[in-house]
Full PDB file with SEQRES, HELIX, SHEET, SSBOND, CRYST1, ORIGX, SCALE, CONECT and MASTER records, all heavy atoms in Angstrom:
SEQRES   1 A   39  ALA GLU ASP LEU ALA ILE ALA ARG LYS CYS ARG ALA ILE          
SEQRES   2 A   39  THR MET THR VAL ILE THR GLN ARG HIS GLU LEU ILE ALA          
SEQRES   3 A   39  TRP TYR GLU ARG ARG GLY TYR ARG PRO THR GLY GLU THR          
HELIX    1 AA1 GLU A    2  ALA A    7  1                                   6    
HELIX    2 AA2 HIS A   22  GLU A   29  1                                   8    
CRYST1    1.000    1.000    1.000  90.00  90.00  90.00 P 1           1          
ORIGX1      1.000000  0.000000  0.000000        0.00000                         
ORIGX2      0.000000  1.000000  0.000000        0.00000                         
ORIGX3      0.000000  0.000000  1.000000        0.00000                         
SCALE1      1.000000  0.000000  0.000000        0.00000                         
SCALE2      0.000000  1.000000  0.000000        0.00000                         
SCALE3      0.000000  0.000000  1.000000        0.00000                         
ATOM      1  N   ALA A   1      69.074 -21.837 -14.659  1.00  0.00           N  
ATOM      2  CA  ALA A   1      68.549 -23.172 -14.284  1.00  0.00           C  
ATOM      3  C   ALA A   1      69.694 -24.078 -13.858  1.00  0.00           C  
ATOM      4  O   ALA A   1      69.620 -24.743 -12.721  1.00  0.00           O  
ATOM      5  CB  ALA A   1      67.742 -23.849 -15.304  1.00  0.00           C  
ATOM      6  N   GLU A   2      70.729 -24.025 -14.657  1.00  0.00           N  
ATOM      7  CA  GLU A   2      71.910 -24.931 -14.350  1.00  0.00           C  
ATOM      8  C   GLU A   2      72.599 -24.419 -13.091  1.00  0.00           C  
ATOM      9  O   GLU A   2      72.957 -25.241 -12.266  1.00  0.00           O  
ATOM     10  CB  GLU A   2      72.876 -24.855 -15.488  1.00  0.00           C  
ATOM     11  CG  GLU A   2      72.337 -25.640 -16.662  1.00  0.00           C  
ATOM     12  CD  GLU A   2      73.112 -25.543 -17.946  1.00  0.00           C  
ATOM     13  OE1 GLU A   2      74.256 -24.802 -17.858  1.00  0.00           O  
ATOM     14  OE2 GLU A   2      72.792 -26.162 -18.962  1.00  0.00           O  
ATOM     15  N   ASP A   3      72.710 -23.098 -12.878  1.00  0.00           N  
ATOM     16  CA  ASP A   3      73.160 -22.531 -11.662  1.00  0.00           C  
ATOM     17  C   ASP A   3      72.402 -23.004 -10.429  1.00  0.00           C  
ATOM     18  O   ASP A   3      72.947 -23.385  -9.403  1.00  0.00           O  
ATOM     19  CB  ASP A   3      73.364 -21.000 -11.635  1.00  0.00           C  
ATOM     20  CG  ASP A   3      74.410 -20.448 -12.688  1.00  0.00           C  
ATOM     21  OD1 ASP A   3      75.262 -21.287 -13.072  1.00  0.00           O  
ATOM     22  OD2 ASP A   3      74.346 -19.363 -12.983  1.00  0.00           O  
ATOM     23  N   LEU A   4      71.121 -22.993 -10.588  1.00  0.00           N  
ATOM     24  CA  LEU A   4      70.233 -23.334  -9.454  1.00  0.00           C  
ATOM     25  C   LEU A   4      70.386 -24.827  -9.173  1.00  0.00           C  
ATOM     26  O   LEU A   4      70.509 -25.200  -8.001  1.00  0.00           O  
ATOM     27  CB  LEU A   4      68.794 -23.073  -9.794  1.00  0.00           C  
ATOM     28  CG  LEU A   4      67.776 -23.331  -8.752  1.00  0.00           C  
ATOM     29  CD1 LEU A   4      67.974 -22.558  -7.475  1.00  0.00           C  
ATOM     30  CD2 LEU A   4      66.422 -23.287  -9.250  1.00  0.00           C  
ATOM     31  N   ALA A   5      70.569 -25.686 -10.155  1.00  0.00           N  
ATOM     32  CA  ALA A   5      70.696 -27.098  -9.980  1.00  0.00           C  
ATOM     33  C   ALA A   5      72.018 -27.337  -9.266  1.00  0.00           C  
ATOM     34  O   ALA A   5      72.139 -28.235  -8.459  1.00  0.00           O  
ATOM     35  CB  ALA A   5      70.660 -27.742 -11.409  1.00  0.00           C  
ATOM     36  N   ILE A   6      73.042 -26.632  -9.693  1.00  0.00           N  
ATOM     37  CA  ILE A   6      74.333 -26.865  -9.036  1.00  0.00           C  
ATOM     38  C   ILE A   6      74.322 -26.406  -7.614  1.00  0.00           C  
ATOM     39  O   ILE A   6      74.825 -27.051  -6.652  1.00  0.00           O  
ATOM     40  CB  ILE A   6      75.502 -26.104  -9.702  1.00  0.00           C  
ATOM     41  CG1 ILE A   6      75.721 -26.853 -11.162  1.00  0.00           C  
ATOM     42  CG2 ILE A   6      76.784 -25.972  -8.994  1.00  0.00           C  
ATOM     43  CD1 ILE A   6      76.516 -25.989 -12.116  1.00  0.00           C  
ATOM     44  N   ALA A   7      73.589 -25.298  -7.236  1.00  0.00           N  
ATOM     45  CA  ALA A   7      73.501 -24.795  -5.938  1.00  0.00           C  
ATOM     46  C   ALA A   7      72.782 -25.828  -5.025  1.00  0.00           C  
ATOM     47  O   ALA A   7      72.993 -25.947  -3.880  1.00  0.00           O  
ATOM     48  CB  ALA A   7      72.782 -23.380  -5.958  1.00  0.00           C  
ATOM     49  N   ARG A   8      71.815 -26.625  -5.691  1.00  0.00           N  
ATOM     50  CA  ARG A   8      71.028 -27.514  -4.991  1.00  0.00           C  
ATOM     51  C   ARG A   8      71.744 -28.833  -4.914  1.00  0.00           C  
ATOM     52  O   ARG A   8      71.186 -29.907  -4.480  1.00  0.00           O  
ATOM     53  CB  ARG A   8      69.633 -27.700  -5.613  1.00  0.00           C  
ATOM     54  CG  ARG A   8      68.763 -26.447  -5.417  1.00  0.00           C  
ATOM     55  CD  ARG A   8      67.339 -26.805  -6.003  1.00  0.00           C  
ATOM     56  NE  ARG A   8      66.481 -25.691  -5.819  1.00  0.00           N  
ATOM     57  CZ  ARG A   8      65.235 -25.632  -6.278  1.00  0.00           C  
ATOM     58  NH1 ARG A   8      64.784 -26.672  -6.900  1.00  0.00           N  
ATOM     59  NH2 ARG A   8      64.560 -24.611  -6.116  1.00  0.00           N  
ATOM     60  N   LYS A   9      72.887 -28.984  -5.532  1.00  0.00           N  
ATOM     61  CA  LYS A   9      73.720 -30.168  -5.662  1.00  0.00           C  
ATOM     62  C   LYS A   9      72.990 -31.245  -6.322  1.00  0.00           C  
ATOM     63  O   LYS A   9      73.115 -32.501  -5.890  1.00  0.00           O  
ATOM     64  CB  LYS A   9      74.187 -30.697  -4.147  1.00  0.00           C  
ATOM     65  CG  LYS A   9      74.962 -29.568  -3.438  1.00  0.00           C  
ATOM     66  CD  LYS A   9      75.514 -30.149  -2.178  1.00  0.00           C  
ATOM     67  CE  LYS A   9      76.244 -29.008  -1.295  1.00  0.00           C  
ATOM     68  NZ  LYS A   9      76.821 -27.939  -1.886  1.00  0.00           N  
ATOM     69  N   CYS A  10      72.380 -30.911  -7.406  1.00  0.00           N  
ATOM     70  CA  CYS A  10      71.646 -31.894  -8.245  1.00  0.00           C  
ATOM     71  C   CYS A  10      72.621 -32.659  -9.080  1.00  0.00           C  
ATOM     72  O   CYS A  10      73.727 -32.173  -9.369  1.00  0.00           O  
ATOM     73  CB  CYS A  10      70.684 -31.299  -9.219  1.00  0.00           C  
ATOM     74  SG  CYS A  10      69.322 -30.528  -8.401  1.00  0.00           S  
ATOM     75  N   ARG A  11      72.287 -34.003  -9.398  1.00  0.00           N  
ATOM     76  CA  ARG A  11      73.092 -34.785 -10.308  1.00  0.00           C  
ATOM     77  C   ARG A  11      73.130 -34.378 -11.672  1.00  0.00           C  
ATOM     78  O   ARG A  11      74.141 -34.387 -12.423  1.00  0.00           O  
ATOM     79  CB  ARG A  11      72.567 -36.209 -10.104  1.00  0.00           C  
ATOM     80  CG  ARG A  11      73.421 -37.227 -11.074  1.00  0.00           C  
ATOM     81  CD  ARG A  11      72.553 -38.569 -11.084  1.00  0.00           C  
ATOM     82  NE  ARG A  11      71.381 -38.427 -11.872  1.00  0.00           N  
ATOM     83  CZ  ARG A  11      71.312 -38.407 -13.241  1.00  0.00           C  
ATOM     84  NH1 ARG A  11      72.490 -38.656 -13.917  1.00  0.00           N  
ATOM     85  NH2 ARG A  11      70.194 -38.224 -13.908  1.00  0.00           N  
ATOM     86  N   ALA A  12      71.887 -33.901 -12.070  1.00  0.00           N  
ATOM     87  CA  ALA A  12      71.666 -33.624 -13.547  1.00  0.00           C  
ATOM     88  C   ALA A  12      70.448 -32.784 -13.678  1.00  0.00           C  
ATOM     89  O   ALA A  12      69.609 -32.694 -12.776  1.00  0.00           O  
ATOM     90  CB  ALA A  12      71.519 -34.960 -14.373  1.00  0.00           C  
ATOM     91  N   ILE A  13      70.276 -32.112 -14.872  1.00  0.00           N  
ATOM     92  CA  ILE A  13      69.085 -31.520 -15.390  1.00  0.00           C  
ATOM     93  C   ILE A  13      68.482 -32.473 -16.326  1.00  0.00           C  
ATOM     94  O   ILE A  13      69.164 -32.923 -17.295  1.00  0.00           O  
ATOM     95  CB  ILE A  13      69.331 -30.189 -15.909  1.00  0.00           C  
ATOM     96  CG1 ILE A  13      69.807 -29.219 -14.834  1.00  0.00           C  
ATOM     97  CG2 ILE A  13      68.058 -29.690 -16.598  1.00  0.00           C  
ATOM     98  CD1 ILE A  13      69.892 -27.724 -15.215  1.00  0.00           C  
ATOM     99  N   THR A  14      67.293 -32.828 -16.308  1.00  0.00           N  
ATOM    100  CA  THR A  14      66.489 -33.597 -17.168  1.00  0.00           C  
ATOM    101  C   THR A  14      65.391 -32.820 -17.926  1.00  0.00           C  
ATOM    102  O   THR A  14      64.961 -31.808 -17.317  1.00  0.00           O  
ATOM    103  CB  THR A  14      65.981 -34.860 -16.528  1.00  0.00           C  
ATOM    104  OG1 THR A  14      64.909 -34.482 -15.554  1.00  0.00           O  
ATOM    105  CG2 THR A  14      67.052 -35.670 -15.854  1.00  0.00           C  
ATOM    106  N   MET A  15      64.905 -33.305 -18.964  1.00  0.00           N  
ATOM    107  CA  MET A  15      63.908 -32.633 -19.762  1.00  0.00           C  
ATOM    108  C   MET A  15      63.269 -33.646 -20.770  1.00  0.00           C  
ATOM    109  O   MET A  15      64.024 -34.640 -20.987  1.00  0.00           O  
ATOM    110  CB  MET A  15      64.307 -31.463 -20.459  1.00  0.00           C  
ATOM    111  CG  MET A  15      65.334 -31.702 -21.642  1.00  0.00           C  
ATOM    112  SD  MET A  15      65.875 -30.261 -22.533  1.00  0.00           S  
ATOM    113  CE  MET A  15      66.977 -29.501 -21.288  1.00  0.00           C  
ATOM    114  N   THR A  16      62.115 -33.351 -21.172  1.00  0.00           N  
ATOM    115  CA  THR A  16      61.437 -34.090 -22.287  1.00  0.00           C  
ATOM    116  C   THR A  16      61.325 -33.179 -23.452  1.00  0.00           C  
ATOM    117  O   THR A  16      60.947 -31.953 -23.204  1.00  0.00           O  
ATOM    118  CB  THR A  16      60.132 -34.821 -21.850  1.00  0.00           C  
ATOM    119  OG1 THR A  16      59.336 -33.763 -21.349  1.00  0.00           O  
ATOM    120  CG2 THR A  16      60.381 -35.774 -20.858  1.00  0.00           C  
ATOM    121  N   VAL A  17      61.477 -33.598 -24.598  1.00  0.00           N  
ATOM    122  CA  VAL A  17      61.330 -32.817 -25.857  1.00  0.00           C  
ATOM    123  C   VAL A  17      60.639 -33.697 -26.790  1.00  0.00           C  
ATOM    124  O   VAL A  17      60.970 -34.873 -27.022  1.00  0.00           O  
ATOM    125  CB  VAL A  17      62.793 -32.413 -26.423  1.00  0.00           C  
ATOM    126  CG1 VAL A  17      62.630 -31.466 -27.707  1.00  0.00           C  
ATOM    127  CG2 VAL A  17      63.582 -31.714 -25.430  1.00  0.00           C  
ATOM    128  N   ILE A  18      59.707 -33.033 -27.524  1.00  0.00           N  
ATOM    129  CA  ILE A  18      58.849 -33.702 -28.499  1.00  0.00           C  
ATOM    130  C   ILE A  18      59.866 -34.286 -29.717  1.00  0.00           C  
ATOM    131  O   ILE A  18      60.648 -33.428 -30.103  1.00  0.00           O  
ATOM    132  CB  ILE A  18      57.785 -32.876 -29.200  1.00  0.00           C  
ATOM    133  CG1 ILE A  18      56.721 -32.529 -28.179  1.00  0.00           C  
ATOM    134  CG2 ILE A  18      57.097 -33.531 -30.323  1.00  0.00           C  
ATOM    135  CD1 ILE A  18      55.743 -31.429 -28.525  1.00  0.00           C  
ATOM    136  N   THR A  19      59.723 -35.658 -30.047  1.00  0.00           N  
ATOM    137  CA  THR A  19      60.783 -36.119 -30.957  1.00  0.00           C  
ATOM    138  C   THR A  19      60.846 -35.336 -32.285  1.00  0.00           C  
ATOM    139  O   THR A  19      61.818 -35.449 -32.915  1.00  0.00           O  
ATOM    140  CB  THR A  19      60.457 -37.569 -31.184  1.00  0.00           C  
ATOM    141  OG1 THR A  19      59.002 -37.684 -31.578  1.00  0.00           O  
ATOM    142  CG2 THR A  19      60.638 -38.500 -29.934  1.00  0.00           C  
ATOM    143  N   GLN A  20      59.761 -34.755 -32.742  1.00  0.00           N  
ATOM    144  CA  GLN A  20      59.777 -34.105 -34.009  1.00  0.00           C  
ATOM    145  C   GLN A  20      60.420 -32.780 -33.965  1.00  0.00           C  
ATOM    146  O   GLN A  20      60.590 -32.043 -35.059  1.00  0.00           O  
ATOM    147  CB  GLN A  20      58.272 -33.924 -34.508  1.00  0.00           C  
ATOM    148  CG  GLN A  20      57.760 -35.206 -35.081  1.00  0.00           C  
ATOM    149  CD  GLN A  20      56.908 -35.996 -33.902  1.00  0.00           C  
ATOM    150  OE1 GLN A  20      57.200 -35.805 -32.684  1.00  0.00           O  
ATOM    151  NE2 GLN A  20      56.091 -36.788 -34.233  1.00  0.00           N  
ATOM    152  N   ARG A  21      60.860 -32.219 -32.812  1.00  0.00           N  
ATOM    153  CA  ARG A  21      61.382 -30.950 -32.676  1.00  0.00           C  
ATOM    154  C   ARG A  21      62.933 -31.050 -32.870  1.00  0.00           C  
ATOM    155  O   ARG A  21      63.749 -30.772 -31.956  1.00  0.00           O  
ATOM    156  CB  ARG A  21      61.085 -30.391 -31.263  1.00  0.00           C  
ATOM    157  CG  ARG A  21      59.644 -30.277 -30.872  1.00  0.00           C  
ATOM    158  CD  ARG A  21      58.905 -29.158 -31.764  1.00  0.00           C  
ATOM    159  NE  ARG A  21      59.636 -27.931 -31.818  1.00  0.00           N  
ATOM    160  CZ  ARG A  21      59.642 -26.983 -30.914  1.00  0.00           C  
ATOM    161  NH1 ARG A  21      58.917 -27.096 -29.863  1.00  0.00           N  
ATOM    162  NH2 ARG A  21      60.322 -25.892 -31.064  1.00  0.00           N  
ATOM    163  N   HIS A  22      63.341 -31.408 -33.991  1.00  0.00           N  
ATOM    164  CA  HIS A  22      64.836 -31.718 -34.301  1.00  0.00           C  
ATOM    165  C   HIS A  22      65.669 -30.408 -34.052  1.00  0.00           C  
ATOM    166  O   HIS A  22      66.772 -30.588 -33.454  1.00  0.00           O  
ATOM    167  CB  HIS A  22      64.947 -32.199 -35.713  1.00  0.00           C  
ATOM    168  CG  HIS A  22      64.166 -33.340 -36.000  1.00  0.00           C  
ATOM    169  ND1 HIS A  22      64.400 -34.527 -35.474  1.00  0.00           N  
ATOM    170  CD2 HIS A  22      63.080 -33.584 -36.833  1.00  0.00           C  
ATOM    171  CE1 HIS A  22      63.541 -35.491 -35.892  1.00  0.00           C  
ATOM    172  NE2 HIS A  22      62.680 -34.835 -36.753  1.00  0.00           N  
ATOM    173  N   GLU A  23      65.158 -29.227 -34.494  1.00  0.00           N  
ATOM    174  CA  GLU A  23      65.965 -28.057 -34.246  1.00  0.00           C  
ATOM    175  C   GLU A  23      66.129 -27.750 -32.748  1.00  0.00           C  
ATOM    176  O   GLU A  23      67.163 -27.231 -32.303  1.00  0.00           O  
ATOM    177  CB  GLU A  23      65.311 -26.853 -34.965  1.00  0.00           C  
ATOM    178  CG  GLU A  23      64.079 -26.244 -34.340  1.00  0.00           C  
ATOM    179  CD  GLU A  23      62.851 -27.178 -34.452  1.00  0.00           C  
ATOM    180  OE1 GLU A  23      62.848 -28.145 -35.380  1.00  0.00           O  
ATOM    181  OE2 GLU A  23      61.916 -26.991 -33.807  1.00  0.00           O  
ATOM    182  N   LEU A  24      65.138 -28.079 -31.944  1.00  0.00           N  
ATOM    183  CA  LEU A  24      65.242 -27.827 -30.523  1.00  0.00           C  
ATOM    184  C   LEU A  24      66.107 -28.783 -29.833  1.00  0.00           C  
ATOM    185  O   LEU A  24      66.975 -28.410 -29.012  1.00  0.00           O  
ATOM    186  CB  LEU A  24      63.809 -27.859 -29.911  1.00  0.00           C  
ATOM    187  CG  LEU A  24      63.784 -27.461 -28.444  1.00  0.00           C  
ATOM    188  CD1 LEU A  24      64.255 -26.020 -28.232  1.00  0.00           C  
ATOM    189  CD2 LEU A  24      62.280 -27.440 -27.912  1.00  0.00           C  
ATOM    190  N   ILE A  25      66.035 -30.103 -30.278  1.00  0.00           N  
ATOM    191  CA  ILE A  25      66.956 -31.072 -29.734  1.00  0.00           C  
ATOM    192  C   ILE A  25      68.352 -30.690 -30.020  1.00  0.00           C  
ATOM    193  O   ILE A  25      69.240 -30.773 -29.099  1.00  0.00           O  
ATOM    194  CB  ILE A  25      66.486 -32.497 -30.311  1.00  0.00           C  
ATOM    195  CG1 ILE A  25      65.164 -32.878 -29.775  1.00  0.00           C  
ATOM    196  CG2 ILE A  25      67.670 -33.476 -30.019  1.00  0.00           C  
ATOM    197  CD1 ILE A  25      64.609 -34.041 -30.519  1.00  0.00           C  
ATOM    198  N   ALA A  26      68.645 -30.287 -31.343  1.00  0.00           N  
ATOM    199  CA  ALA A  26      69.943 -29.839 -31.658  1.00  0.00           C  
ATOM    200  C   ALA A  26      70.463 -28.597 -30.818  1.00  0.00           C  
ATOM    201  O   ALA A  26      71.605 -28.613 -30.412  1.00  0.00           O  
ATOM    202  CB  ALA A  26      70.054 -29.419 -33.169  1.00  0.00           C  
ATOM    203  N   TRP A  27      69.512 -27.692 -30.531  1.00  0.00           N  
ATOM    204  CA  TRP A  27      70.001 -26.509 -29.666  1.00  0.00           C  
ATOM    205  C   TRP A  27      70.313 -27.020 -28.210  1.00  0.00           C  
ATOM    206  O   TRP A  27      71.414 -26.594 -27.733  1.00  0.00           O  
ATOM    207  CB  TRP A  27      68.746 -25.617 -29.543  1.00  0.00           C  
ATOM    208  CG  TRP A  27      68.888 -24.285 -28.954  1.00  0.00           C  
ATOM    209  CD1 TRP A  27      69.408 -23.179 -29.454  1.00  0.00           C  
ATOM    210  CD2 TRP A  27      68.755 -23.976 -27.607  1.00  0.00           C  
ATOM    211  NE1 TRP A  27      69.520 -22.084 -28.584  1.00  0.00           N  
ATOM    212  CE2 TRP A  27      69.047 -22.550 -27.334  1.00  0.00           C  
ATOM    213  CE3 TRP A  27      68.285 -24.654 -26.489  1.00  0.00           C  
ATOM    214  CZ2 TRP A  27      69.031 -21.907 -26.117  1.00  0.00           C  
ATOM    215  CZ3 TRP A  27      68.181 -23.982 -25.221  1.00  0.00           C  
ATOM    216  CH2 TRP A  27      68.560 -22.619 -25.058  1.00  0.00           C  
ATOM    217  N   TYR A  28      69.606 -27.901 -27.712  1.00  0.00           N  
ATOM    218  CA  TYR A  28      70.025 -28.425 -26.434  1.00  0.00           C  
ATOM    219  C   TYR A  28      71.321 -29.263 -26.418  1.00  0.00           C  
ATOM    220  O   TYR A  28      72.156 -29.182 -25.563  1.00  0.00           O  
ATOM    221  CB  TYR A  28      68.851 -29.344 -25.840  1.00  0.00           C  
ATOM    222  CG  TYR A  28      67.745 -28.516 -25.205  1.00  0.00           C  
ATOM    223  CD1 TYR A  28      66.474 -28.592 -25.728  1.00  0.00           C  
ATOM    224  CD2 TYR A  28      67.913 -27.576 -24.157  1.00  0.00           C  
ATOM    225  CE1 TYR A  28      65.363 -27.840 -25.128  1.00  0.00           C  
ATOM    226  CE2 TYR A  28      66.923 -26.849 -23.561  1.00  0.00           C  
ATOM    227  CZ  TYR A  28      65.578 -26.982 -24.118  1.00  0.00           C  
ATOM    228  OH  TYR A  28      64.641 -26.279 -23.614  1.00  0.00           O  
ATOM    229  N   GLU A  29      71.521 -30.041 -27.631  1.00  0.00           N  
ATOM    230  CA  GLU A  29      72.662 -30.768 -27.614  1.00  0.00           C  
ATOM    231  C   GLU A  29      73.916 -29.862 -27.722  1.00  0.00           C  
ATOM    232  O   GLU A  29      74.988 -30.147 -27.132  1.00  0.00           O  
ATOM    233  CB  GLU A  29      72.720 -31.699 -28.854  1.00  0.00           C  
ATOM    234  CG  GLU A  29      71.703 -32.922 -28.675  1.00  0.00           C  
ATOM    235  CD  GLU A  29      71.623 -33.750 -29.877  1.00  0.00           C  
ATOM    236  OE1 GLU A  29      71.615 -33.155 -31.041  1.00  0.00           O  
ATOM    237  OE2 GLU A  29      71.465 -34.991 -29.755  1.00  0.00           O  
ATOM    238  N   ARG A  30      73.761 -28.741 -28.308  1.00  0.00           N  
ATOM    239  CA  ARG A  30      74.950 -27.831 -28.446  1.00  0.00           C  
ATOM    240  C   ARG A  30      75.233 -27.192 -27.037  1.00  0.00           C  
ATOM    241  O   ARG A  30      76.271 -26.573 -26.848  1.00  0.00           O  
ATOM    242  CB  ARG A  30      74.541 -26.651 -29.371  1.00  0.00           C  
ATOM    243  CG  ARG A  30      74.621 -27.076 -30.840  1.00  0.00           C  
ATOM    244  CD  ARG A  30      74.623 -25.883 -31.791  1.00  0.00           C  
ATOM    245  NE  ARG A  30      73.412 -24.994 -31.688  1.00  0.00           N  
ATOM    246  CZ  ARG A  30      72.213 -25.166 -32.300  1.00  0.00           C  
ATOM    247  NH1 ARG A  30      72.110 -26.367 -33.071  1.00  0.00           N  
ATOM    248  NH2 ARG A  30      71.274 -24.348 -32.142  1.00  0.00           N  
ATOM    249  N   ARG A  31      74.315 -27.419 -26.104  1.00  0.00           N  
ATOM    250  CA  ARG A  31      74.462 -26.829 -24.757  1.00  0.00           C  
ATOM    251  C   ARG A  31      74.900 -27.994 -23.740  1.00  0.00           C  
ATOM    252  O   ARG A  31      74.720 -27.819 -22.555  1.00  0.00           O  
ATOM    253  CB  ARG A  31      73.368 -26.057 -24.304  1.00  0.00           C  
ATOM    254  CG  ARG A  31      73.352 -24.657 -24.944  1.00  0.00           C  
ATOM    255  CD  ARG A  31      72.003 -24.053 -25.372  1.00  0.00           C  
ATOM    256  NE  ARG A  31      72.369 -22.871 -26.177  1.00  0.00           N  
ATOM    257  CZ  ARG A  31      72.459 -22.910 -27.547  1.00  0.00           C  
ATOM    258  NH1 ARG A  31      72.498 -24.096 -28.139  1.00  0.00           N  
ATOM    259  NH2 ARG A  31      72.832 -21.923 -28.240  1.00  0.00           N  
ATOM    260  N   GLY A  32      75.143 -29.091 -24.286  1.00  0.00           N  
ATOM    261  CA  GLY A  32      75.707 -30.245 -23.484  1.00  0.00           C  
ATOM    262  C   GLY A  32      74.545 -31.200 -23.032  1.00  0.00           C  
ATOM    263  O   GLY A  32      74.854 -32.242 -22.214  1.00  0.00           O  
ATOM    264  N   TYR A  33      73.345 -31.133 -23.454  1.00  0.00           N  
ATOM    265  CA  TYR A  33      72.262 -32.029 -23.143  1.00  0.00           C  
ATOM    266  C   TYR A  33      72.327 -33.267 -24.075  1.00  0.00           C  
ATOM    267  O   TYR A  33      72.554 -33.003 -25.363  1.00  0.00           O  
ATOM    268  CB  TYR A  33      70.919 -31.398 -23.193  1.00  0.00           C  
ATOM    269  CG  TYR A  33      70.827 -30.414 -22.031  1.00  0.00           C  
ATOM    270  CD1 TYR A  33      71.356 -29.140 -22.134  1.00  0.00           C  
ATOM    271  CD2 TYR A  33      70.194 -30.770 -20.879  1.00  0.00           C  
ATOM    272  CE1 TYR A  33      71.300 -28.228 -21.097  1.00  0.00           C  
ATOM    273  CE2 TYR A  33      70.103 -29.833 -19.808  1.00  0.00           C  
ATOM    274  CZ  TYR A  33      70.619 -28.568 -19.919  1.00  0.00           C  
ATOM    275  OH  TYR A  33      70.563 -27.593 -18.924  1.00  0.00           O  
ATOM    276  N   ARG A  34      72.052 -34.423 -23.717  1.00  0.00           N  
ATOM    277  CA  ARG A  34      72.288 -35.631 -24.493  1.00  0.00           C  
ATOM    278  C   ARG A  34      70.913 -36.441 -24.275  1.00  0.00           C  
ATOM    279  O   ARG A  34      70.407 -36.679 -23.215  1.00  0.00           O  
ATOM    280  CB  ARG A  34      73.325 -36.513 -24.037  1.00  0.00           C  
ATOM    281  CG  ARG A  34      74.701 -35.864 -24.221  1.00  0.00           C  
ATOM    282  CD  ARG A  34      75.112 -35.611 -25.663  1.00  0.00           C  
ATOM    283  NE  ARG A  34      76.311 -34.851 -25.919  1.00  0.00           N  
ATOM    284  CZ  ARG A  34      76.181 -33.589 -26.444  1.00  0.00           C  
ATOM    285  NH1 ARG A  34      75.040 -33.134 -26.898  1.00  0.00           N  
ATOM    286  NH2 ARG A  34      77.366 -32.933 -26.593  1.00  0.00           N  
ATOM    287  N   PRO A  35      70.440 -36.998 -25.427  1.00  0.00           N  
ATOM    288  CA  PRO A  35      69.351 -38.038 -25.263  1.00  0.00           C  
ATOM    289  C   PRO A  35      69.709 -39.235 -24.378  1.00  0.00           C  
ATOM    290  O   PRO A  35      70.808 -39.654 -24.573  1.00  0.00           O  
ATOM    291  CB  PRO A  35      69.117 -38.458 -26.707  1.00  0.00           C  
ATOM    292  CG  PRO A  35      69.754 -37.442 -27.625  1.00  0.00           C  
ATOM    293  CD  PRO A  35      70.832 -36.910 -26.758  1.00  0.00           C  
ATOM    294  N   THR A  36      68.866 -39.645 -23.491  1.00  0.00           N  
ATOM    295  CA  THR A  36      69.245 -40.747 -22.593  1.00  0.00           C  
ATOM    296  C   THR A  36      68.842 -42.138 -23.308  1.00  0.00           C  
ATOM    297  O   THR A  36      69.282 -43.184 -22.784  1.00  0.00           O  
ATOM    298  CB  THR A  36      68.385 -40.686 -21.368  1.00  0.00           C  
ATOM    299  OG1 THR A  36      66.969 -40.831 -21.651  1.00  0.00           O  
ATOM    300  CG2 THR A  36      68.700 -39.359 -20.670  1.00  0.00           C  
ATOM    301  N   GLY A  37      68.075 -42.027 -24.340  1.00  0.00           N  
ATOM    302  CA  GLY A  37      67.586 -43.227 -25.025  1.00  0.00           C  
ATOM    303  C   GLY A  37      66.126 -43.671 -24.550  1.00  0.00           C  
ATOM    304  O   GLY A  37      65.489 -44.502 -25.107  1.00  0.00           O  
ATOM    305  N   GLU A  38      65.698 -42.978 -23.527  1.00  0.00           N  
ATOM    306  CA  GLU A  38      64.295 -43.129 -22.975  1.00  0.00           C  
ATOM    307  C   GLU A  38      63.345 -42.324 -23.688  1.00  0.00           C  
ATOM    308  O   GLU A  38      63.661 -41.136 -24.162  1.00  0.00           O  
ATOM    309  CB  GLU A  38      64.251 -42.774 -21.563  1.00  0.00           C  
ATOM    310  CG  GLU A  38      62.909 -43.024 -20.873  1.00  0.00           C  
ATOM    311  CD  GLU A  38      62.873 -42.499 -19.432  1.00  0.00           C  
ATOM    312  OE1 GLU A  38      63.939 -42.119 -18.842  1.00  0.00           O  
ATOM    313  OE2 GLU A  38      61.767 -42.440 -18.982  1.00  0.00           O  
ATOM    314  N   THR A  39      62.155 -42.853 -23.965  1.00  0.00           N  
ATOM    315  CA  THR A  39      61.116 -42.080 -24.646  1.00  0.00           C  
ATOM    316  C   THR A  39      59.933 -42.178 -23.732  1.00  0.00           C  
ATOM    317  O   THR A  39      59.783 -43.127 -22.887  1.00  0.00           O  
ATOM    318  CB  THR A  39      60.701 -42.659 -26.060  1.00  0.00           C  
ATOM    319  OG1 THR A  39      60.304 -44.008 -25.939  1.00  0.00           O  
ATOM    320  CG2 THR A  39      61.969 -42.466 -27.047  1.00  0.00           C  
TER     321      THR A  39                                                      
MASTER        0    0    0    2    0    0    0    6  320    1    0    3          
END                                                                             
């Protein structure tokens, strides 16, 4: 997905994650994704 985004010259990859999914949020954070502060 990241390779596709780079090929398309995207600024960023965005996603939404259920707030209670702490282990999933941590998994994405380990891969460079950060909460934007938006809910």
